[in-house]
Amino acid sequence: MTDHTRNSRQSPALWPDIERTYGWVHRAAHILGNAAGETADTVRRRFDGLIGAMTCHRAEAGSLVGAVEHFLKVTRSYRPGLFHCYAVAELPRTNNDLEQMFGSQRYHERRATGRKTASPALVLRGEVRLIAATATRLHPPTARDLGKVSLERWRDLRLRLEQRRLARTRRTRFRRDPDGYLAALEQKARQQALPA
């Protein structure tokens, strides 16, 4: 008897377990899909009710009880952040859009720089570049939008970015020539100590 024949003879015996667990998972997907546009509290209550029923009746899953327990475990770990998308308007239900946005940014960065890895500029100025690139794609700014920018906040941001760049430059110089870097620091300290 081949494995295929043995498996085809066992399949009818497994079908009730598959049908029952598929029904639970399908119901969970339906609740989280929230086609009716219910509130976050309603979705949470309905989902918690289903999870409670699955927990109580998981033994009915037969040979798939391990898969049901795994589903329940993963659901518990994701539960704290599972319902925000129903309470916050326009928050996507999955992070697929977010991953696509970061992937698109990485693609454009690679095309512009020719690098296969993230450019140092993205690390240094990521908080500005990533947000600016995303916001520009979603809604190109107008002159009026740019005129509303707080000059003080812009200067603070520029200062913070420049401090980060200087710290990175100093680290690089130190790694290239630690002795020379320390000698230059000593010389500066001596010069500042001398009376003017």
N, C-alpha and C. Protein backbone atom coordinates (compact mmCIF):
# COMPACT_ATOMS: atom_id res chain seq x y z
N MET A 1 0.85 -1.18 0.00
CA MET A 1 0.00 0.00 0.00
C MET A 1 0.90 1.24 0.00
N THR A 2 0.65 2.16 -0.93
CA THR A 2 1.46 3.38 -1.01
C THR A 2 0.99 4.40 0.02
N ASP A 3 1.86 5.39 0.26
CA ASP A 3 1.50 6.46 1.20
C ASP A 3 0.27 7.21 0.72
N HIS A 4 0.18 7.41 -0.59
CA HIS A 4 -0.96 8.13 -1.15
C HIS A 4 -2.27 7.38 -0.86
N THR A 5 -2.26 6.08 -1.06
CA THR A 5 -3.45 5.26 -0.81
C THR A 5 -3.82 5.28 0.67
N ARG A 6 -2.80 5.16 1.53
CA ARG A 6 -3.03 5.17 2.97
C ARG A 6 -3.63 6.53 3.40
N ASN A 7 -3.06 7.64 2.86
CA ASN A 7 -3.56 8.97 3.21
C ASN A 7 -4.98 9.18 2.72
N SER A 8 -5.29 8.67 1.50
CA SER A 8 -6.65 8.87 0.97
C SER A 8 -7.66 8.08 1.78
N ARG A 9 -7.27 6.95 2.36
CA ARG A 9 -8.18 6.18 3.21
C ARG A 9 -8.37 6.85 4.57
N GLN A 10 -7.34 7.59 5.05
CA GLN A 10 -7.44 8.27 6.34
C GLN A 10 -8.18 9.59 6.24
N SER A 11 -8.23 10.20 5.07
CA SER A 11 -8.83 11.52 4.91
C SER A 11 -10.28 11.58 5.38
N PRO A 12 -11.14 10.62 5.03
CA PRO A 12 -12.53 10.71 5.51
C PRO A 12 -12.62 10.73 7.04
N ALA A 13 -11.73 10.06 7.71
CA ALA A 13 -11.76 10.04 9.17
C ALA A 13 -11.35 11.40 9.75
N LEU A 14 -10.49 12.14 9.03
CA LEU A 14 -10.02 13.44 9.50
C LEU A 14 -11.00 14.57 9.18
N TRP A 15 -11.91 14.33 8.25
CA TRP A 15 -12.76 15.41 7.76
C TRP A 15 -13.57 16.11 8.85
N PRO A 16 -14.21 15.43 9.80
CA PRO A 16 -14.97 16.16 10.83
C PRO A 16 -14.09 17.13 11.64
N ASP A 17 -12.86 16.73 11.95
CA ASP A 17 -11.94 17.62 12.69
C ASP A 17 -11.61 18.85 11.85
N ILE A 18 -11.33 18.62 10.57
CA ILE A 18 -10.99 19.73 9.67
C ILE A 18 -12.18 20.67 9.52
N GLU A 19 -13.36 20.09 9.34
CA GLU A 19 -14.56 20.91 9.16
C GLU A 19 -14.84 21.77 10.39
N ARG A 20 -14.69 21.19 11.58
CA ARG A 20 -14.96 21.93 12.82
C ARG A 20 -13.95 23.06 13.01
N THR A 21 -12.66 22.76 12.88
CA THR A 21 -11.64 23.80 13.10
C THR A 21 -11.68 24.86 12.01
N TYR A 22 -11.96 24.45 10.78
CA TYR A 22 -12.08 25.44 9.70
C TYR A 22 -13.22 26.40 10.01
N GLY A 23 -14.30 25.87 10.53
CA GLY A 23 -15.44 26.73 10.89
C GLY A 23 -15.05 27.77 11.93
N TRP A 24 -14.27 27.38 12.91
CA TRP A 24 -13.82 28.33 13.94
C TRP A 24 -12.92 29.41 13.34
N VAL A 25 -11.95 28.98 12.56
CA VAL A 25 -11.00 29.94 11.97
C VAL A 25 -11.72 30.86 10.98
N HIS A 26 -12.63 30.30 10.21
CA HIS A 26 -13.41 31.10 9.27
C HIS A 26 -14.25 32.13 10.02
N ARG A 27 -14.84 31.72 11.13
CA ARG A 27 -15.65 32.65 11.95
C ARG A 27 -14.76 33.76 12.52
N ALA A 28 -13.55 33.42 12.98
CA ALA A 28 -12.62 34.43 13.50
C ALA A 28 -12.28 35.45 12.40
N ALA A 29 -12.02 34.96 11.19
CA ALA A 29 -11.70 35.86 10.08
C ALA A 29 -12.89 36.75 9.76
N HIS A 30 -14.10 36.20 9.83
CA HIS A 30 -15.31 36.98 9.56
C HIS A 30 -15.49 38.08 10.61
N ILE A 31 -15.28 37.74 11.88
CA ILE A 31 -15.42 38.74 12.95
C ILE A 31 -14.39 39.85 12.77
N LEU A 32 -13.14 39.47 12.54
CA LEU A 32 -12.07 40.47 12.40
C LEU A 32 -12.20 41.26 11.09
N GLY A 33 -12.84 40.65 10.08
CA GLY A 33 -13.08 41.37 8.83
C GLY A 33 -14.02 42.55 9.03
N ASN A 34 -14.94 42.42 9.97
CA ASN A 34 -15.84 43.50 10.39
C ASN A 34 -16.50 44.20 9.20
N ALA A 35 -17.10 43.41 8.31
CA ALA A 35 -17.75 43.98 7.13
C ALA A 35 -18.90 44.91 7.52
N ALA A 36 -19.51 44.68 8.68
CA ALA A 36 -20.64 45.52 9.12
C ALA A 36 -20.18 46.84 9.71
N GLY A 37 -18.89 47.01 9.95
CA GLY A 37 -18.36 48.26 10.49
C GLY A 37 -18.72 48.47 11.95
N GLU A 38 -18.71 47.40 12.73
CA GLU A 38 -19.06 47.50 14.15
C GLU A 38 -17.95 48.19 14.93
N THR A 39 -18.28 48.63 16.14
CA THR A 39 -17.31 49.33 16.99
C THR A 39 -16.24 48.36 17.48
N ALA A 40 -15.15 48.91 17.97
CA ALA A 40 -14.05 48.10 18.50
C ALA A 40 -14.53 47.22 19.66
N ASP A 41 -15.37 47.77 20.54
CA ASP A 41 -15.87 47.00 21.69
C ASP A 41 -16.72 45.82 21.24
N THR A 42 -17.55 46.02 20.22
CA THR A 42 -18.40 44.94 19.72
C THR A 42 -17.56 43.85 19.09
N VAL A 43 -16.59 44.24 18.27
CA VAL A 43 -15.71 43.26 17.63
C VAL A 43 -14.94 42.49 18.70
N ARG A 44 -14.45 43.21 19.71
CA ARG A 44 -13.69 42.56 20.79
C ARG A 44 -14.56 41.55 21.53
N ARG A 45 -15.80 41.92 21.87
CA ARG A 45 -16.69 41.01 22.59
C ARG A 45 -17.01 39.77 21.76
N ARG A 46 -17.31 39.97 20.49
CA ARG A 46 -17.64 38.82 19.62
C ARG A 46 -16.42 37.89 19.47
N PHE A 47 -15.26 38.50 19.29
CA PHE A 47 -14.04 37.69 19.12
C PHE A 47 -13.70 36.96 20.41
N ASP A 48 -13.81 37.65 21.54
CA ASP A 48 -13.54 36.99 22.83
C ASP A 48 -14.50 35.83 23.08
N GLY A 49 -15.76 36.00 22.66
CA GLY A 49 -16.74 34.91 22.79
C GLY A 49 -16.33 33.69 21.98
N LEU A 50 -15.88 33.93 20.75
CA LEU A 50 -15.43 32.82 19.91
C LEU A 50 -14.20 32.15 20.51
N ILE A 51 -13.23 32.95 20.97
CA ILE A 51 -12.02 32.38 21.56
C ILE A 51 -12.37 31.57 22.81
N GLY A 52 -13.31 32.08 23.62
CA GLY A 52 -13.76 31.34 24.79
C GLY A 52 -14.39 30.01 24.41
N ALA A 53 -15.21 30.01 23.36
CA ALA A 53 -15.84 28.76 22.90
C ALA A 53 -14.79 27.79 22.38
N MET A 54 -13.81 28.31 21.63
CA MET A 54 -12.75 27.44 21.11
C MET A 54 -11.94 26.84 22.26
N THR A 55 -11.70 27.64 23.30
CA THR A 55 -10.94 27.15 24.45
C THR A 55 -11.71 26.04 25.16
N CYS A 56 -13.01 26.24 25.37
CA CYS A 56 -13.83 25.23 26.06
C CYS A 56 -14.01 23.96 25.26
N HIS A 57 -14.12 24.09 23.95
CA HIS A 57 -14.45 22.93 23.10
C HIS A 57 -13.28 22.46 22.24
N ARG A 58 -12.06 22.84 22.60
CA ARG A 58 -10.91 22.47 21.74
C ARG A 58 -10.72 20.97 21.64
N ALA A 59 -11.16 20.20 22.63
CA ALA A 59 -11.02 18.73 22.57
C ALA A 59 -11.82 18.16 21.40
N GLU A 60 -12.87 18.89 20.96
CA GLU A 60 -13.68 18.44 19.83
C GLU A 60 -12.92 18.52 18.51
N ALA A 61 -11.76 19.18 18.52
CA ALA A 61 -10.96 19.29 17.31
C ALA A 61 -10.24 17.99 17.00
N GLY A 62 -10.31 17.04 17.90
CA GLY A 62 -9.71 15.72 17.67
C GLY A 62 -8.23 15.80 17.38
N SER A 63 -7.83 15.32 16.21
CA SER A 63 -6.41 15.28 15.86
C SER A 63 -5.82 16.67 15.64
N LEU A 64 -6.66 17.68 15.52
CA LEU A 64 -6.17 19.04 15.28
C LEU A 64 -6.16 19.89 16.55
N VAL A 65 -6.27 19.25 17.71
CA VAL A 65 -6.28 19.99 18.96
C VAL A 65 -4.98 20.80 19.14
N GLY A 66 -3.87 20.27 18.69
CA GLY A 66 -2.59 21.00 18.77
C GLY A 66 -2.62 22.27 17.94
N ALA A 67 -3.22 22.19 16.75
CA ALA A 67 -3.33 23.37 15.89
C ALA A 67 -4.23 24.42 16.53
N VAL A 68 -5.32 23.99 17.15
CA VAL A 68 -6.23 24.93 17.82
C VAL A 68 -5.52 25.59 18.99
N GLU A 69 -4.77 24.82 19.78
CA GLU A 69 -4.04 25.39 20.91
C GLU A 69 -3.00 26.41 20.43
N HIS A 70 -2.35 26.10 19.31
CA HIS A 70 -1.39 27.05 18.75
C HIS A 70 -2.10 28.34 18.32
N PHE A 71 -3.26 28.20 17.67
CA PHE A 71 -4.04 29.36 17.26
C PHE A 71 -4.41 30.22 18.47
N LEU A 72 -4.84 29.57 19.54
CA LEU A 72 -5.22 30.30 20.76
C LEU A 72 -4.02 31.00 21.38
N LYS A 73 -2.87 30.34 21.37
CA LYS A 73 -1.65 30.93 21.94
C LYS A 73 -1.23 32.17 21.14
N VAL A 74 -1.21 32.06 19.83
CA VAL A 74 -0.82 33.19 18.99
C VAL A 74 -1.83 34.33 19.14
N THR A 75 -3.11 33.99 19.22
CA THR A 75 -4.14 35.01 19.39
C THR A 75 -3.94 35.76 20.69
N ARG A 76 -3.60 35.04 21.76
CA ARG A 76 -3.35 35.71 23.05
C ARG A 76 -2.19 36.69 22.94
N SER A 77 -1.15 36.33 22.21
CA SER A 77 0.02 37.21 22.12
C SER A 77 -0.29 38.46 21.29
N TYR A 78 -1.18 38.35 20.29
CA TYR A 78 -1.51 39.50 19.44
C TYR A 78 -2.67 40.33 19.99
N ARG A 79 -3.40 39.79 20.94
CA ARG A 79 -4.64 40.40 21.40
C ARG A 79 -4.51 41.87 21.84
N PRO A 80 -3.47 42.29 22.57
CA PRO A 80 -3.42 43.68 23.02
C PRO A 80 -3.52 44.71 21.89
N GLY A 81 -3.00 44.41 20.72
CA GLY A 81 -3.05 45.38 19.63
C GLY A 81 -4.01 45.01 18.52
N LEU A 82 -4.85 44.02 18.76
CA LEU A 82 -5.68 43.47 17.69
C LEU A 82 -6.87 44.35 17.32
N PHE A 83 -7.34 45.19 18.22
CA PHE A 83 -8.60 45.89 17.99
C PHE A 83 -8.45 47.40 17.78
N HIS A 84 -7.22 47.92 17.78
CA HIS A 84 -7.01 49.36 17.59
C HIS A 84 -7.55 49.84 16.24
N CYS A 85 -7.43 48.97 15.23
CA CYS A 85 -7.83 49.39 13.89
C CYS A 85 -9.33 49.68 13.80
N TYR A 86 -10.12 49.16 14.72
CA TYR A 86 -11.56 49.42 14.69
C TYR A 86 -11.90 50.70 15.46
N ALA A 87 -11.00 51.15 16.30
CA ALA A 87 -11.24 52.35 17.11
C ALA A 87 -10.64 53.61 16.46
N VAL A 88 -9.58 53.44 15.66
CA VAL A 88 -8.90 54.58 15.04
C VAL A 88 -9.22 54.59 13.54
N ALA A 89 -9.80 55.68 13.10
CA ALA A 89 -10.18 55.79 11.68
C ALA A 89 -8.95 55.69 10.78
N GLU A 90 -9.09 54.98 9.69
CA GLU A 90 -8.08 54.83 8.64
C GLU A 90 -6.82 54.09 9.08
N LEU A 91 -6.84 53.46 10.26
CA LEU A 91 -5.71 52.63 10.66
C LEU A 91 -5.88 51.27 9.99
N PRO A 92 -4.90 50.82 9.19
CA PRO A 92 -5.08 49.55 8.48
C PRO A 92 -5.16 48.37 9.44
N ARG A 93 -5.91 47.33 9.05
CA ARG A 93 -6.09 46.15 9.90
C ARG A 93 -4.84 45.29 9.95
N THR A 94 -4.02 45.37 8.93
CA THR A 94 -2.79 44.59 8.91
C THR A 94 -1.63 45.54 8.70
N ASN A 95 -0.42 45.02 8.87
CA ASN A 95 0.74 45.87 8.63
C ASN A 95 1.26 45.68 7.20
N ASN A 96 0.46 45.04 6.34
CA ASN A 96 0.90 44.84 4.96
C ASN A 96 1.15 46.17 4.26
N ASP A 97 0.25 47.14 4.47
CA ASP A 97 0.44 48.45 3.83
C ASP A 97 1.70 49.12 4.35
N LEU A 98 1.94 48.97 5.65
CA LEU A 98 3.13 49.57 6.25
C LEU A 98 4.39 48.91 5.70
N GLU A 99 4.38 47.58 5.59
CA GLU A 99 5.53 46.87 5.03
C GLU A 99 5.75 47.27 3.58
N GLN A 100 4.66 47.44 2.84
CA GLN A 100 4.78 47.85 1.44
C GLN A 100 5.38 49.25 1.34
N MET A 101 4.96 50.14 2.25
CA MET A 101 5.49 51.50 2.24
C MET A 101 7.00 51.50 2.52
N PHE A 102 7.43 50.73 3.54
CA PHE A 102 8.86 50.67 3.85
C PHE A 102 9.62 50.01 2.70
N GLY A 103 9.04 48.98 2.10
CA GLY A 103 9.68 48.32 0.96
C GLY A 103 9.83 49.26 -0.21
N SER A 104 8.79 50.07 -0.46
CA SER A 104 8.85 51.04 -1.55
C SER A 104 9.93 52.08 -1.28
N GLN A 105 10.00 52.54 -0.04
CA GLN A 105 11.03 53.52 0.33
C GLN A 105 12.43 52.92 0.14
N ARG A 106 12.60 51.67 0.57
CA ARG A 106 13.90 50.99 0.42
C ARG A 106 14.25 50.86 -1.06
N TYR A 107 13.25 50.52 -1.89
CA TYR A 107 13.48 50.38 -3.33
C TYR A 107 13.94 51.70 -3.93
N HIS A 108 13.24 52.79 -3.61
CA HIS A 108 13.62 54.10 -4.16
C HIS A 108 14.99 54.55 -3.65
N GLU A 109 15.26 54.25 -2.39
CA GLU A 109 16.57 54.60 -1.82
C GLU A 109 17.68 53.84 -2.56
N ARG A 110 17.47 52.56 -2.83
CA ARG A 110 18.48 51.77 -3.55
C ARG A 110 18.67 52.29 -4.97
N ARG A 111 17.56 52.64 -5.62
CA ARG A 111 17.66 53.16 -6.99
C ARG A 111 18.43 54.47 -7.02
N ALA A 112 18.18 55.33 -6.04
CA ALA A 112 18.82 56.65 -6.03
C ALA A 112 20.29 56.56 -5.67
N THR A 113 20.65 55.65 -4.78
CA THR A 113 22.03 55.60 -4.30
C THR A 113 22.86 54.50 -4.95
N GLY A 114 22.21 53.49 -5.51
CA GLY A 114 22.94 52.36 -6.07
C GLY A 114 23.43 51.38 -5.01
N ARG A 115 23.05 51.61 -3.77
CA ARG A 115 23.48 50.74 -2.67
C ARG A 115 22.53 49.57 -2.50
N LYS A 116 23.06 48.44 -2.04
CA LYS A 116 22.20 47.29 -1.73
C LYS A 116 21.73 47.33 -0.28
N THR A 117 22.46 48.04 0.55
CA THR A 117 22.08 48.15 1.96
C THR A 117 21.58 49.57 2.22
N ALA A 118 21.03 49.77 3.41
CA ALA A 118 20.52 51.10 3.76
C ALA A 118 21.67 52.10 3.77
N SER A 119 21.39 53.27 3.25
CA SER A 119 22.43 54.29 3.22
C SER A 119 22.60 54.90 4.62
N PRO A 120 23.80 55.34 4.95
CA PRO A 120 24.01 55.99 6.25
C PRO A 120 23.11 57.21 6.43
N ALA A 121 22.78 57.88 5.33
CA ALA A 121 21.91 59.06 5.43
C ALA A 121 20.53 58.67 5.94
N LEU A 122 20.05 57.49 5.56
CA LEU A 122 18.74 57.05 6.03
C LEU A 122 18.78 56.79 7.53
N VAL A 123 19.90 56.28 8.01
CA VAL A 123 20.05 56.05 9.44
C VAL A 123 20.09 57.38 10.18
N LEU A 124 20.85 58.33 9.64
CA LEU A 124 21.01 59.63 10.29
C LEU A 124 19.77 60.51 10.19
N ARG A 125 19.14 60.48 9.05
CA ARG A 125 18.03 61.40 8.80
C ARG A 125 16.72 60.65 8.53
N GLY A 126 16.64 59.41 8.98
CA GLY A 126 15.47 58.58 8.72
C GLY A 126 14.17 59.17 9.20
N GLU A 127 14.20 59.77 10.38
CA GLU A 127 12.96 60.32 10.93
C GLU A 127 12.40 61.42 10.04
N VAL A 128 13.26 62.06 9.27
CA VAL A 128 12.81 63.13 8.39
C VAL A 128 12.56 62.59 6.99
N ARG A 129 13.51 61.84 6.47
CA ARG A 129 13.42 61.38 5.09
C ARG A 129 12.26 60.44 4.86
N LEU A 130 12.07 59.48 5.76
CA LEU A 130 11.00 58.51 5.58
C LEU A 130 9.64 59.17 5.67
N ILE A 131 9.46 60.03 6.64
CA ILE A 131 8.18 60.73 6.81
C ILE A 131 7.93 61.66 5.63
N ALA A 132 8.96 62.39 5.21
CA ALA A 132 8.80 63.32 4.08
C ALA A 132 8.47 62.57 2.80
N ALA A 133 9.16 61.46 2.55
CA ALA A 133 8.90 60.69 1.33
C ALA A 133 7.49 60.11 1.34
N THR A 134 7.06 59.61 2.47
CA THR A 134 5.72 59.03 2.57
C THR A 134 4.65 60.10 2.44
N ALA A 135 4.82 61.18 3.17
CA ALA A 135 3.82 62.26 3.13
C ALA A 135 3.73 62.86 1.73
N THR A 136 4.85 62.99 1.05
CA THR A 136 4.85 63.56 -0.29
C THR A 136 4.11 62.66 -1.26
N ARG A 137 4.28 61.34 -1.11
CA ARG A 137 3.56 60.42 -1.99
C ARG A 137 2.06 60.44 -1.73
N LEU A 138 1.67 60.56 -0.47
CA LEU A 138 0.25 60.55 -0.13
C LEU A 138 -0.44 61.87 -0.47
N HIS A 139 0.25 62.97 -0.19
CA HIS A 139 -0.34 64.29 -0.42
C HIS A 139 0.80 65.28 -0.67
N PRO A 140 1.10 65.56 -1.94
CA PRO A 140 2.19 66.51 -2.22
C PRO A 140 1.91 67.85 -1.54
N PRO A 141 2.89 68.41 -0.84
CA PRO A 141 2.65 69.65 -0.11
C PRO A 141 2.49 70.84 -1.06
N THR A 142 1.67 71.75 -0.63
CA THR A 142 1.50 73.00 -1.39
C THR A 142 2.33 74.09 -0.72
N ALA A 143 2.43 75.24 -1.38
CA ALA A 143 3.16 76.37 -0.80
C ALA A 143 2.51 76.79 0.52
N ARG A 144 1.18 76.69 0.59
CA ARG A 144 0.47 77.05 1.81
C ARG A 144 0.85 76.09 2.95
N ASP A 145 0.96 74.77 2.64
CA ASP A 145 1.37 73.79 3.66
C ASP A 145 2.76 74.12 4.19
N LEU A 146 3.67 74.44 3.29
CA LEU A 146 5.04 74.74 3.70
C LEU A 146 5.11 76.04 4.49
N GLY A 147 4.23 76.98 4.18
CA GLY A 147 4.19 78.24 4.91
C GLY A 147 3.71 78.10 6.34
N LYS A 148 3.00 77.03 6.64
CA LYS A 148 2.47 76.80 7.99
C LYS A 148 3.49 76.16 8.92
N VAL A 149 4.63 75.76 8.39
CA VAL A 149 5.64 75.07 9.20
C VAL A 149 6.23 76.02 10.23
N SER A 150 6.38 75.53 11.44
CA SER A 150 6.97 76.34 12.52
C SER A 150 8.48 76.42 12.30
N LEU A 151 8.97 77.62 12.14
CA LEU A 151 10.40 77.85 11.91
C LEU A 151 11.21 77.38 13.12
N GLU A 152 10.68 77.58 14.30
CA GLU A 152 11.39 77.16 15.52
C GLU A 152 11.52 75.62 15.59
N ARG A 153 10.43 74.92 15.29
CA ARG A 153 10.50 73.45 15.30
C ARG A 153 11.45 72.94 14.21
N TRP A 154 11.44 73.61 13.05
CA TRP A 154 12.33 73.23 11.96
C TRP A 154 13.79 73.39 12.39
N ARG A 155 14.10 74.51 13.06
CA ARG A 155 15.48 74.74 13.53
C ARG A 155 15.88 73.71 14.58
N ASP A 156 14.97 73.38 15.49
CA ASP A 156 15.26 72.35 16.51
C ASP A 156 15.56 71.01 15.85
N LEU A 157 14.77 70.67 14.86
CA LEU A 157 14.97 69.41 14.15
C LEU A 157 16.32 69.41 13.43
N ARG A 158 16.64 70.50 12.75
CA ARG A 158 17.92 70.60 12.06
C ARG A 158 19.09 70.47 13.03
N LEU A 159 18.98 71.09 14.19
CA LEU A 159 20.02 71.01 15.22
C LEU A 159 20.20 69.58 15.69
N ARG A 160 19.08 68.90 15.96
CA ARG A 160 19.15 67.50 16.40
C ARG A 160 19.81 66.61 15.35
N LEU A 161 19.43 66.81 14.09
CA LEU A 161 20.02 66.01 13.01
C LEU A 161 21.51 66.31 12.85
N GLU A 162 21.88 67.56 13.00
CA GLU A 162 23.30 67.93 12.87
C GLU A 162 24.12 67.34 14.01
N GLN A 163 23.57 67.33 15.22
CA GLN A 163 24.28 66.72 16.36
C GLN A 163 24.48 65.23 16.12
N ARG A 164 23.47 64.58 15.57
CA ARG A 164 23.58 63.15 15.26
C ARG A 164 24.66 62.91 14.19
N ARG A 165 24.70 63.79 13.18
CA ARG A 165 25.70 63.65 12.12
C ARG A 165 27.11 63.85 12.66
N LEU A 166 27.28 64.87 13.53
CA LEU A 166 28.60 65.12 14.12
C LEU A 166 29.07 63.96 14.98
N ALA A 167 28.15 63.39 15.76
CA ALA A 167 28.52 62.24 16.60
C ALA A 167 28.97 61.07 15.73
N ARG A 168 28.28 60.84 14.63
CA ARG A 168 28.66 59.75 13.72
C ARG A 168 30.02 60.04 13.08
N THR A 169 30.25 61.30 12.70
CA THR A 169 31.53 61.68 12.10
C THR A 169 32.67 61.45 13.08
N ARG A 170 32.45 61.86 14.34
CA ARG A 170 33.49 61.66 15.36
C ARG A 170 33.78 60.18 15.58
N ARG A 171 32.75 59.37 15.62
CA ARG A 171 32.97 57.92 15.80
C ARG A 171 33.79 57.36 14.65
N THR A 172 33.45 57.79 13.44
CA THR A 172 34.19 57.29 12.26
C THR A 172 35.65 57.72 12.32
N ARG A 173 35.90 58.98 12.67
CA ARG A 173 37.28 59.48 12.76
C ARG A 173 38.05 58.73 13.84
N PHE A 174 37.39 58.46 14.97
CA PHE A 174 38.06 57.74 16.05
C PHE A 174 38.41 56.32 15.61
N ARG A 175 37.48 55.65 14.91
CA ARG A 175 37.75 54.28 14.47
C ARG A 175 38.91 54.22 13.47
N ARG A 176 39.00 55.21 12.60
CA ARG A 176 40.04 55.22 11.58
C ARG A 176 41.42 55.45 12.19
N ASP A 177 41.50 56.38 13.17
CA ASP A 177 42.80 56.72 13.75
C ASP A 177 42.60 57.11 15.22
N PRO A 178 42.47 56.13 16.11
CA PRO A 178 42.21 56.44 17.52
C PRO A 178 43.29 57.32 18.15
N ASP A 179 44.55 57.02 17.87
CA ASP A 179 45.64 57.79 18.48
C ASP A 179 45.63 59.25 18.00
N GLY A 180 45.47 59.45 16.71
CA GLY A 180 45.43 60.80 16.16
C GLY A 180 44.23 61.58 16.67
N TYR A 181 43.09 60.92 16.79
CA TYR A 181 41.87 61.57 17.27
C TYR A 181 42.06 62.03 18.72
N LEU A 182 42.63 61.15 19.56
CA LEU A 182 42.84 61.50 20.97
C LEU A 182 43.90 62.59 21.11
N ALA A 183 44.92 62.55 20.28
CA ALA A 183 45.95 63.59 20.32
C ALA A 183 45.36 64.95 19.96
N ALA A 184 44.49 65.00 18.96
CA ALA A 184 43.85 66.26 18.56
C ALA A 184 42.96 66.77 19.69
N LEU A 185 42.27 65.88 20.39
CA LEU A 185 41.44 66.30 21.53
C LEU A 185 42.29 66.88 22.65
N GLU A 186 43.45 66.24 22.92
CA GLU A 186 44.35 66.74 23.95
C GLU A 186 44.86 68.14 23.59
N GLN A 187 45.21 68.33 22.33
CA GLN A 187 45.72 69.62 21.89
C GLN A 187 44.65 70.70 22.05
N LYS A 188 43.40 70.40 21.69
CA LYS A 188 42.32 71.36 21.87
C LYS A 188 42.11 71.70 23.32
N ALA A 189 42.20 70.69 24.20
CA ALA A 189 42.00 70.92 25.63
C ALA A 189 43.10 71.82 26.18
N ARG A 190 44.36 71.63 25.72
CA ARG A 190 45.47 72.48 26.16
C ARG A 190 45.27 73.91 25.71
N GLN A 191 44.85 74.10 24.45
CA GLN A 191 44.66 75.44 23.90
C GLN A 191 43.57 76.19 24.67
N GLN A 192 42.51 75.50 25.04
CA GLN A 192 41.41 76.15 25.77
C GLN A 192 41.83 76.51 27.19
N ALA A 193 42.79 75.77 27.74
CA ALA A 193 43.23 76.02 29.10
C ALA A 193 44.19 77.22 29.19
N LEU A 194 44.87 77.54 28.10
CA LEU A 194 45.82 78.65 28.09
C LEU A 194 45.07 79.98 28.17
N PRO A 195 45.66 80.97 28.89
CA PRO A 195 45.00 82.29 28.96
C PRO A 195 45.02 82.97 27.59
N ALA A 196 43.95 83.70 27.32
CA ALA A 196 43.83 84.35 26.01
C ALA A 196 44.47 85.72 26.02
